[in-house]
Amino acid sequence: MATRSLIIDLFKSPNGTSYGVLIAVFIVVLTTVLYLLFGRSRSRGRGILFVGLTDAGKTLLFSRLSSGKHVMTHTSIKENKNLYKVKGRKSGKTLDLIDLPGHERVRSRFVEQYKSQTRGILFVVDSVNFPREARDVAEIMYDILGDKYLSKSTSSILVVCNKQDLTMAKSQSVIKSQLEKEINTLRVTRAAALQGQDGGPTNDAAYVGKKGKDFEFGHVLPLTVEFAECSAKGQVEGEADITAVEKWLEKIA
């Protein structure tokens, strides 16, 4: 009651209008901050999308995280889904693992279907075959980074450089550097294609990174793109190394 009387007295004072405006502004700011801190986090999806080319090891990684087992996988045109119980200090929390088909014709459809539920993306790369698949991998990454909805709703992408147990596997630093170069080239070709179609300036929605600068993954803020090495298979049963992926899942849970 005392607080209410104080507010009424302020409005009755000569400077009441000014006080009223300040109080109104304060309430709006406070409401916005509370929403950003609590409401937004509650409404954010729990989905973790597994994205990548066919045979990159997405489904095997999905199985390792879901059951801890090595299973024989095959190319599919349907998604796989499972509940993941987070390990470590956030144990008790859960995330929805969604393994999307790697085939180009169906992948984009499933991304559209699940992107409203997405909290993070596991972008799985075949570290052995990457040199010859770099352009195709960059195409998928470009589409994700250029998606306005995903760039706002998704907090993080982990590029999983898989098959590190094999001799010819490229390191995460090599893969990151090459991907940045490929995306830089894609920006030029896609911008030229859009300009040719419209006969005018290119659409900013399709541009990834900072204009006037070579592309870097650090230019796609607020989205964060991290890289990690893993081996979903291992040479023998039980030798898989997916610790980096589990730690990332714990971080964004």
C-alpha atoms as a PDB file:
ATOM      1  CA  MET A   1       0.000   0.000   0.000  1.00  0.00           C
ATOM      2  CA  ALA A   2       2.822   2.400   0.836  1.00  0.00           C
ATOM      3  CA  THR A   3       4.384   1.851  -2.591  1.00  0.00           C
ATOM      4  CA  ARG A   4       1.048   2.455  -4.292  1.00  0.00           C
ATOM      5  CA  SER A   5       0.539   5.723  -2.348  1.00  0.00           C
ATOM      6  CA  LEU A   6       4.044   6.859  -3.277  1.00  0.00           C
ATOM      7  CA  ILE A   7       3.372   6.295  -6.985  1.00  0.00           C
ATOM      8  CA  ILE A   8       0.060   8.189  -6.751  1.00  0.00           C
ATOM      9  CA  ASP A   9       1.797  11.100  -4.982  1.00  0.00           C
ATOM     10  CA  LEU A  10       4.457  11.191  -7.700  1.00  0.00           C
ATOM     11  CA  PHE A  11       1.822  11.485 -10.406  1.00  0.00           C
ATOM     12  CA  LYS A  12       0.111  14.304  -8.470  1.00  0.00           C
ATOM     13  CA  SER A  13       3.337  16.272  -8.096  1.00  0.00           C
ATOM     14  CA  PRO A  14       4.292  19.040 -10.600  1.00  0.00           C
ATOM     15  CA  ASN A  15       6.714  16.638 -12.228  1.00  0.00           C
ATOM     16  CA  GLY A  16       4.216  13.799 -12.155  1.00  0.00           C
ATOM     17  CA  THR A  17       4.133  13.335 -15.918  1.00  0.00           C
ATOM     18  CA  SER A  18       7.911  12.960 -16.080  1.00  0.00           C
ATOM     19  CA  TYR A  19       7.909  10.487 -13.209  1.00  0.00           C
ATOM     20  CA  GLY A  20       5.125   8.545 -14.886  1.00  0.00           C
ATOM     21  CA  VAL A  21       7.061   8.255 -18.121  1.00  0.00           C
ATOM     22  CA  LEU A  22      10.169   7.078 -16.266  1.00  0.00           C
ATOM     23  CA  ILE A  23       8.202   4.450 -14.356  1.00  0.00           C
ATOM     24  CA  ALA A  24       6.551   3.214 -17.554  1.00  0.00           C
ATOM     25  CA  VAL A  25       9.912   2.942 -19.304  1.00  0.00           C
ATOM     26  CA  PHE A  26      11.380   1.102 -16.312  1.00  0.00           C
ATOM     27  CA  ILE A  27       8.527  -1.435 -16.324  1.00  0.00           C
ATOM     28  CA  VAL A  28       8.930  -2.075 -20.068  1.00  0.00           C
ATOM     29  CA  VAL A  29      12.704  -2.564 -19.722  1.00  0.00           C
ATOM     30  CA  LEU A  30      12.301  -4.850 -16.696  1.00  0.00           C
ATOM     31  CA  THR A  31       9.683  -6.964 -18.480  1.00  0.00           C
ATOM     32  CA  THR A  32      11.911  -7.310 -21.544  1.00  0.00           C
ATOM     33  CA  VAL A  33      14.931  -8.363 -19.463  1.00  0.00           C
ATOM     34  CA  LEU A  34      12.903 -10.950 -17.537  1.00  0.00           C
ATOM     35  CA  TYR A  35      11.557 -12.378 -20.788  1.00  0.00           C
ATOM     36  CA  LEU A  36      15.026 -12.658 -22.307  1.00  0.00           C
ATOM     37  CA  LEU A  37      16.391 -14.336 -19.183  1.00  0.00           C
ATOM     38  CA  PHE A  38      13.563 -16.741 -18.443  1.00  0.00           C
ATOM     39  CA  GLY A  39      10.769 -16.827 -20.986  1.00  0.00           C
ATOM     40  CA  ARG A  40      12.992 -17.204 -24.018  1.00  0.00           C
ATOM     41  CA  SER A  41      15.018 -20.036 -22.520  1.00  0.00           C
ATOM     42  CA  ARG A  42      11.845 -21.952 -21.669  1.00  0.00           C
ATOM     43  CA  SER A  43      10.371 -21.576 -25.137  1.00  0.00           C
ATOM     44  CA  ARG A  44      13.577 -22.534 -26.962  1.00  0.00           C
ATOM     45  CA  GLY A  45      13.455 -25.936 -28.639  1.00  0.00           C
ATOM     46  CA  ARG A  46      15.305 -28.969 -27.335  1.00  0.00           C
ATOM     47  CA  GLY A  47      16.084 -30.469 -30.730  1.00  0.00           C
ATOM     48  CA  ILE A  48      19.610 -31.342 -31.845  1.00  0.00           C
ATOM     49  CA  LEU A  49      19.736 -31.827 -35.611  1.00  0.00           C
ATOM     50  CA  PHE A  50      22.302 -34.207 -37.113  1.00  0.00           C
ATOM     51  CA  VAL A  51      23.184 -32.769 -40.514  1.00  0.00           C
ATOM     52  CA  GLY A  52      25.747 -33.774 -43.126  1.00  0.00           C
ATOM     53  CA  LEU A  53      26.416 -35.719 -46.289  1.00  0.00           C
ATOM     54  CA  THR A  54      25.551 -39.387 -46.677  1.00  0.00           C
ATOM     55  CA  ASP A  55      28.201 -41.709 -45.145  1.00  0.00           C
ATOM     56  CA  ALA A  56      29.664 -38.977 -42.930  1.00  0.00           C
ATOM     57  CA  GLY A  57      28.790 -41.061 -39.860  1.00  0.00           C
ATOM     58  CA  LYS A  58      25.721 -39.161 -38.638  1.00  0.00           C
ATOM     59  CA  THR A  59      23.595 -42.186 -37.852  1.00  0.00           C
ATOM     60  CA  LEU A  60      26.423 -44.055 -36.129  1.00  0.00           C
ATOM     61  CA  LEU A  61      27.119 -41.011 -33.941  1.00  0.00           C
ATOM     62  CA  PHE A  62      23.377 -40.786 -33.243  1.00  0.00           C
ATOM     63  CA  SER A  63      23.383 -44.457 -32.163  1.00  0.00           C
ATOM     64  CA  ARG A  64      26.457 -43.993 -29.969  1.00  0.00           C
ATOM     65  CA  LEU A  65      24.803 -41.095 -28.155  1.00  0.00           C
ATOM     66  CA  SER A  66      21.435 -42.843 -27.931  1.00  0.00           C
ATOM     67  CA  SER A  67      22.529 -46.299 -26.783  1.00  0.00           C
ATOM     68  CA  GLY A  68      26.324 -46.310 -26.533  1.00  0.00           C
ATOM     69  CA  LYS A  69      26.454 -49.092 -29.099  1.00  0.00           C
ATOM     70  CA  HIS A  70      27.999 -49.548 -32.523  1.00  0.00           C
ATOM     71  CA  VAL A  71      25.284 -50.495 -35.009  1.00  0.00           C
ATOM     72  CA  MET A  72      25.369 -51.169 -38.720  1.00  0.00           C
ATOM     73  CA  THR A  73      23.778 -48.245 -40.566  1.00  0.00           C
ATOM     74  CA  HIS A  74      22.336 -47.753 -44.026  1.00  0.00           C
ATOM     75  CA  THR A  75      21.172 -44.835 -46.137  1.00  0.00           C
ATOM     76  CA  SER A  76      17.661 -43.783 -45.165  1.00  0.00           C
ATOM     77  CA  ILE A  77      15.039 -41.337 -46.415  1.00  0.00           C
ATOM     78  CA  LYS A  78      13.489 -41.029 -42.947  1.00  0.00           C
ATOM     79  CA  GLU A  79      14.682 -39.306 -39.804  1.00  0.00           C
ATOM     80  CA  ASN A  80      15.734 -41.075 -36.584  1.00  0.00           C
ATOM     81  CA  LYS A  81      14.688 -39.641 -33.225  1.00  0.00           C
ATOM     82  CA  ASN A  82      15.647 -40.405 -29.649  1.00  0.00           C
ATOM     83  CA  LEU A  83      15.794 -38.793 -26.228  1.00  0.00           C
ATOM     84  CA  TYR A  84      19.278 -37.985 -24.929  1.00  0.00           C
ATOM     85  CA  LYS A  85      20.028 -37.732 -21.219  1.00  0.00           C
ATOM     86  CA  VAL A  86      22.689 -35.096 -20.684  1.00  0.00           C
ATOM     87  CA  LYS A  87      25.810 -36.171 -18.793  1.00  0.00           C
ATOM     88  CA  GLY A  88      27.999 -34.241 -16.373  1.00  0.00           C
ATOM     89  CA  ARG A  89      26.927 -31.305 -14.223  1.00  0.00           C
ATOM     90  CA  LYS A  90      23.642 -30.910 -16.124  1.00  0.00           C
ATOM     91  CA  SER A  91      22.617 -34.543 -15.695  1.00  0.00           C
ATOM     92  CA  GLY A  92      18.856 -34.836 -15.495  1.00  0.00           C
ATOM     93  CA  LYS A  93      18.275 -32.565 -18.465  1.00  0.00           C
ATOM     94  CA  THR A  94      17.252 -34.047 -21.798  1.00  0.00           C
ATOM     95  CA  LEU A  95      17.589 -33.147 -25.465  1.00  0.00           C
ATOM     96  CA  ASP A  96      15.825 -34.504 -28.537  1.00  0.00           C
ATOM     97  CA  LEU A  97      18.288 -36.045 -30.993  1.00  0.00           C
ATOM     98  CA  ILE A  98      17.051 -35.879 -34.590  1.00  0.00           C
ATOM     99  CA  ASP A  99      19.170 -37.602 -37.236  1.00  0.00           C
ATOM    100  CA  LEU A 100      18.249 -36.219 -40.669  1.00  0.00           C
ATOM    101  CA  PRO A 101      18.789 -38.104 -43.957  1.00  0.00           C
ATOM    102  CA  GLY A 102      21.924 -37.062 -45.816  1.00  0.00           C
ATOM    103  CA  HIS A 103      20.381 -37.255 -49.272  1.00  0.00           C
ATOM    104  CA  GLU A 104      20.067 -33.791 -50.797  1.00  0.00           C
ATOM    105  CA  ARG A 105      16.503 -34.210 -52.057  1.00  0.00           C
ATOM    106  CA  VAL A 106      15.041 -34.959 -48.627  1.00  0.00           C
ATOM    107  CA  ARG A 107      17.472 -33.233 -46.269  1.00  0.00           C
ATOM    108  CA  SER A 108      16.203 -29.681 -46.863  1.00  0.00           C
ATOM    109  CA  ARG A 109      12.602 -30.791 -46.320  1.00  0.00           C
ATOM    110  CA  PHE A 110      13.424 -32.254 -42.917  1.00  0.00           C
ATOM    111  CA  VAL A 111      15.434 -29.177 -41.920  1.00  0.00           C
ATOM    112  CA  GLU A 112      12.347 -27.070 -42.642  1.00  0.00           C
ATOM    113  CA  GLN A 113      10.192 -29.471 -40.647  1.00  0.00           C
ATOM    114  CA  TYR A 114      12.330 -29.459 -37.517  1.00  0.00           C
ATOM    115  CA  LYS A 115      14.038 -26.073 -37.465  1.00  0.00           C
ATOM    116  CA  SER A 116      11.423 -24.538 -35.146  1.00  0.00           C
ATOM    117  CA  GLN A 117      12.423 -27.160 -32.531  1.00  0.00           C
ATOM    118  CA  THR A 118      16.175 -26.719 -32.960  1.00  0.00           C
ATOM    119  CA  ARG A 119      18.528 -25.688 -30.165  1.00  0.00           C
ATOM    120  CA  GLY A 120      21.752 -26.851 -31.781  1.00  0.00           C
ATOM    121  CA  ILE A 121      23.134 -28.575 -34.861  1.00  0.00           C
ATOM    122  CA  LEU A 122      25.664 -31.394 -35.049  1.00  0.00           C
ATOM    123  CA  PHE A 123      27.183 -30.930 -38.486  1.00  0.00           C
ATOM    124  CA  VAL A 124      28.985 -34.206 -39.184  1.00  0.00           C
ATOM    125  CA  VAL A 125      31.888 -34.256 -41.660  1.00  0.00           C
ATOM    126  CA  ASP A 126      33.782 -37.243 -43.074  1.00  0.00           C
ATOM    127  CA  SER A 127      37.357 -36.194 -42.239  1.00  0.00           C
ATOM    128  CA  VAL A 128      38.852 -38.755 -44.641  1.00  0.00           C
ATOM    129  CA  ASN A 129      36.833 -37.885 -47.747  1.00  0.00           C
ATOM    130  CA  PHE A 130      36.570 -34.178 -46.951  1.00  0.00           C
ATOM    131  CA  PRO A 131      39.068 -32.982 -49.624  1.00  0.00           C
ATOM    132  CA  ARG A 132      36.838 -34.228 -52.434  1.00  0.00           C
ATOM    133  CA  GLU A 133      33.569 -33.382 -50.656  1.00  0.00           C
ATOM    134  CA  ALA A 134      34.530 -29.895 -49.459  1.00  0.00           C
ATOM    135  CA  ARG A 135      32.339 -28.059 -51.959  1.00  0.00           C
ATOM    136  CA  ASP A 136      29.249 -30.154 -51.151  1.00  0.00           C
ATOM    137  CA  VAL A 137      29.834 -29.764 -47.412  1.00  0.00           C
ATOM    138  CA  ALA A 138      30.182 -25.993 -47.844  1.00  0.00           C
ATOM    139  CA  GLU A 139      26.893 -25.869 -49.782  1.00  0.00           C
ATOM    140  CA  ILE A 140      25.019 -27.431 -46.867  1.00  0.00           C
ATOM    141  CA  MET A 141      26.739 -25.185 -44.335  1.00  0.00           C
ATOM    142  CA  TYR A 142      25.991 -22.088 -46.410  1.00  0.00           C
ATOM    143  CA  ASP A 143      22.286 -22.972 -46.536  1.00  0.00           C
ATOM    144  CA  ILE A 144      22.184 -23.348 -42.755  1.00  0.00           C
ATOM    145  CA  LEU A 145      24.094 -20.148 -42.007  1.00  0.00           C
ATOM    146  CA  GLY A 146      21.980 -18.232 -44.527  1.00  0.00           C
ATOM    147  CA  ASP A 147      18.687 -19.373 -42.986  1.00  0.00           C
ATOM    148  CA  LYS A 148      17.363 -16.385 -41.022  1.00  0.00           C
ATOM    149  CA  TYR A 149      15.173 -18.517 -38.759  1.00  0.00           C
ATOM    150  CA  LEU A 150      17.938 -20.959 -37.842  1.00  0.00           C
ATOM    151  CA  SER A 151      20.483 -18.205 -37.256  1.00  0.00           C
ATOM    152  CA  LYS A 152      18.159 -16.682 -34.632  1.00  0.00           C
ATOM    153  CA  SER A 153      16.662 -19.787 -32.996  1.00  0.00           C
ATOM    154  CA  THR A 154      19.776 -21.979 -32.963  1.00  0.00           C
ATOM    155  CA  SER A 155      22.389 -21.139 -30.351  1.00  0.00           C
ATOM    156  CA  SER A 156      25.283 -23.201 -31.641  1.00  0.00           C
ATOM    157  CA  ILE A 157      26.651 -25.462 -34.364  1.00  0.00           C
ATOM    158  CA  LEU A 158      29.286 -28.090 -33.681  1.00  0.00           C
ATOM    159  CA  VAL A 159      31.154 -29.232 -36.779  1.00  0.00           C
ATOM    160  CA  VAL A 160      32.041 -32.819 -35.902  1.00  0.00           C
ATOM    161  CA  CYS A 161      35.156 -33.908 -37.799  1.00  0.00           C
ATOM    162  CA  ASN A 162      34.426 -37.632 -37.705  1.00  0.00           C
ATOM    163  CA  LYS A 163      36.533 -40.736 -38.506  1.00  0.00           C
ATOM    164  CA  GLN A 164      39.629 -39.412 -36.747  1.00  0.00           C
ATOM    165  CA  ASP A 165      40.663 -43.015 -36.028  1.00  0.00           C
ATOM    166  CA  LEU A 166      41.606 -43.414 -39.704  1.00  0.00           C
ATOM    167  CA  THR A 167      45.086 -42.545 -40.977  1.00  0.00           C
ATOM    168  CA  MET A 168      44.046 -40.191 -43.781  1.00  0.00           C
ATOM    169  CA  ALA A 169      41.676 -38.099 -41.640  1.00  0.00           C
ATOM    170  CA  LYS A 170      42.111 -34.325 -41.906  1.00  0.00           C
ATOM    171  CA  SER A 171      42.381 -32.315 -38.689  1.00  0.00           C
ATOM    172  CA  GLN A 172      39.691 -29.909 -37.529  1.00  0.00           C
ATOM    173  CA  SER A 173      41.937 -26.914 -38.271  1.00  0.00           C
ATOM    174  CA  VAL A 174      42.412 -28.015 -41.890  1.00  0.00           C
ATOM    175  CA  ILE A 175      38.681 -28.650 -42.326  1.00  0.00           C
ATOM    176  CA  LYS A 176      37.759 -25.290 -40.804  1.00  0.00           C
ATOM    177  CA  SER A 177      40.208 -23.389 -43.005  1.00  0.00           C
ATOM    178  CA  GLN A 178      39.081 -25.142 -46.188  1.00  0.00           C
ATOM    179  CA  LEU A 179      35.397 -24.670 -45.369  1.00  0.00           C
ATOM    180  CA  GLU A 180      35.922 -20.939 -44.875  1.00  0.00           C
ATOM    181  CA  LYS A 181      37.582 -20.723 -48.292  1.00  0.00           C
ATOM    182  CA  GLU A 182      34.791 -22.702 -49.970  1.00  0.00           C
ATOM    183  CA  ILE A 183      32.068 -20.578 -48.359  1.00  0.00           C
ATOM    184  CA  ASN A 184      33.928 -17.448 -49.417  1.00  0.00           C
ATOM    185  CA  THR A 185      33.801 -18.685 -53.024  1.00  0.00           C
ATOM    186  CA  LEU A 186      30.136 -19.662 -52.693  1.00  0.00           C
ATOM    187  CA  ARG A 187      29.243 -16.133 -51.600  1.00  0.00           C
ATOM    188  CA  VAL A 188      30.551 -14.790 -54.888  1.00  0.00           C
ATOM    189  CA  THR A 189      28.825 -17.361 -57.100  1.00  0.00           C
ATOM    190  CA  ARG A 190      25.489 -17.184 -55.277  1.00  0.00           C
ATOM    191  CA  ALA A 191      25.506 -13.392 -55.203  1.00  0.00           C
ATOM    192  CA  ALA A 192      26.178 -13.330 -58.944  1.00  0.00           C
ATOM    193  CA  ALA A 193      23.345 -15.804 -59.548  1.00  0.00           C
ATOM    194  CA  LEU A 194      20.882 -13.707 -57.540  1.00  0.00           C
ATOM    195  CA  GLN A 195      21.949 -10.542 -59.300  1.00  0.00           C
ATOM    196  CA  GLY A 196      21.442 -12.222 -62.654  1.00  0.00           C
ATOM    197  CA  GLN A 197      17.944 -13.345 -61.694  1.00  0.00           C
ATOM    198  CA  ASP A 198      16.748 -10.052 -60.245  1.00  0.00           C
ATOM    199  CA  GLY A 199      18.684  -7.684 -62.464  1.00  0.00           C
ATOM    200  CA  GLY A 200      19.472  -5.630 -59.395  1.00  0.00           C
ATOM    201  CA  PRO A 201      21.301  -5.711 -56.078  1.00  0.00           C
ATOM    202  CA  THR A 202      21.656  -9.011 -54.273  1.00  0.00           C
ATOM    203  CA  ASN A 203      19.443 -10.046 -51.379  1.00  0.00           C
ATOM    204  CA  ASP A 204      21.104  -9.552 -47.970  1.00  0.00           C
ATOM    205  CA  ALA A 205      19.220 -12.590 -46.628  1.00  0.00           C
ATOM    206  CA  ALA A 206      21.363 -14.844 -48.821  1.00  0.00           C
ATOM    207  CA  TYR A 207      24.670 -13.253 -47.805  1.00  0.00           C
ATOM    208  CA  VAL A 208      26.682 -15.023 -45.111  1.00  0.00           C
ATOM    209  CA  GLY A 209      29.350 -13.238 -43.067  1.00  0.00           C
ATOM    210  CA  LYS A 210      30.598  -9.655 -43.317  1.00  0.00           C
ATOM    211  CA  LYS A 211      30.601  -7.776 -46.592  1.00  0.00           C
ATOM    212  CA  GLY A 212      34.004  -6.642 -47.758  1.00  0.00           C
ATOM    213  CA  LYS A 213      35.824  -9.298 -45.702  1.00  0.00           C
ATOM    214  CA  ASP A 214      36.845 -12.880 -46.385  1.00  0.00           C
ATOM    215  CA  PHE A 215      34.459 -15.270 -44.679  1.00  0.00           C
ATOM    216  CA  GLU A 216      35.239 -16.500 -41.178  1.00  0.00           C
ATOM    217  CA  PHE A 217      32.997 -18.529 -38.891  1.00  0.00           C
ATOM    218  CA  GLY A 218      33.427 -15.819 -36.275  1.00  0.00           C
ATOM    219  CA  HIS A 219      31.439 -13.466 -38.533  1.00  0.00           C
ATOM    220  CA  VAL A 220      28.079 -15.225 -38.082  1.00  0.00           C
ATOM    221  CA  LEU A 221      27.275 -13.979 -34.569  1.00  0.00           C
ATOM    222  CA  PRO A 222      25.121 -14.426 -32.514  1.00  0.00           C
ATOM    223  CA  LEU A 223      25.346 -17.977 -33.849  1.00  0.00           C
ATOM    224  CA  THR A 224      28.480 -19.762 -32.647  1.00  0.00           C
ATOM    225  CA  VAL A 225      30.227 -22.360 -34.802  1.00  0.00           C
ATOM    226  CA  GLU A 226      32.694 -24.677 -33.074  1.00  0.00           C
ATOM    227  CA  PHE A 227      34.818 -27.554 -34.368  1.00  0.00           C
ATOM    228  CA  ALA A 228      35.676 -30.852 -32.707  1.00  0.00           C
ATOM    229  CA  GLU A 229      37.327 -34.141 -33.653  1.00  0.00           C
ATOM    230  CA  CYS A 230      35.718 -37.488 -32.920  1.00  0.00           C
ATOM    231  CA  SER A 231      35.529 -41.114 -33.920  1.00  0.00           C
ATOM    232  CA  ALA A 232      32.039 -42.565 -33.781  1.00  0.00           C
ATOM    233  CA  LYS A 233      33.264 -46.001 -34.860  1.00  0.00           C
ATOM    234  CA  GLY A 234      36.720 -46.775 -33.493  1.00  0.00           C
ATOM    235  CA  GLN A 235      38.816 -49.720 -34.614  1.00  0.00           C
ATOM    236  CA  VAL A 236      37.061 -52.140 -32.250  1.00  0.00           C
ATOM    237  CA  GLU A 237      33.861 -52.142 -30.205  1.00  0.00           C
ATOM    238  CA  GLY A 238      34.107 -49.727 -27.292  1.00  0.00           C
ATOM    239  CA  GLU A 239      36.899 -47.587 -28.761  1.00  0.00           C
ATOM    240  CA  ALA A 240      34.707 -44.749 -29.996  1.00  0.00           C
ATOM    241  CA  ASP A 241      35.743 -41.251 -28.937  1.00  0.00           C
ATOM    242  CA  ILE A 242      32.741 -38.912 -28.753  1.00  0.00           C
ATOM    243  CA  THR A 243      33.698 -37.037 -25.582  1.00  0.00           C
ATOM    244  CA  ALA A 244      33.874 -33.651 -27.331  1.00  0.00           C
ATOM    245  CA  VAL A 245      30.325 -34.099 -28.627  1.00  0.00           C
ATOM    246  CA  GLU A 246      28.997 -35.072 -25.188  1.00  0.00           C
ATOM    247  CA  LYS A 247      30.631 -32.008 -23.614  1.00  0.00           C
ATOM    248  CA  TRP A 248      29.093 -29.749 -26.263  1.00  0.00           C
ATOM    249  CA  LEU A 249      25.643 -31.237 -25.626  1.00  0.00           C
ATOM    250  CA  GLU A 250      26.115 -30.617 -21.904  1.00  0.00           C
ATOM    251  CA  LYS A 251      27.069 -27.011 -22.576  1.00  0.00           C
ATOM    252  CA  ILE A 252      24.015 -26.119 -24.642  1.00  0.00           C
ATOM    253  CA  ALA A 253      21.460 -28.187 -22.675  1.00  0.00           C
END
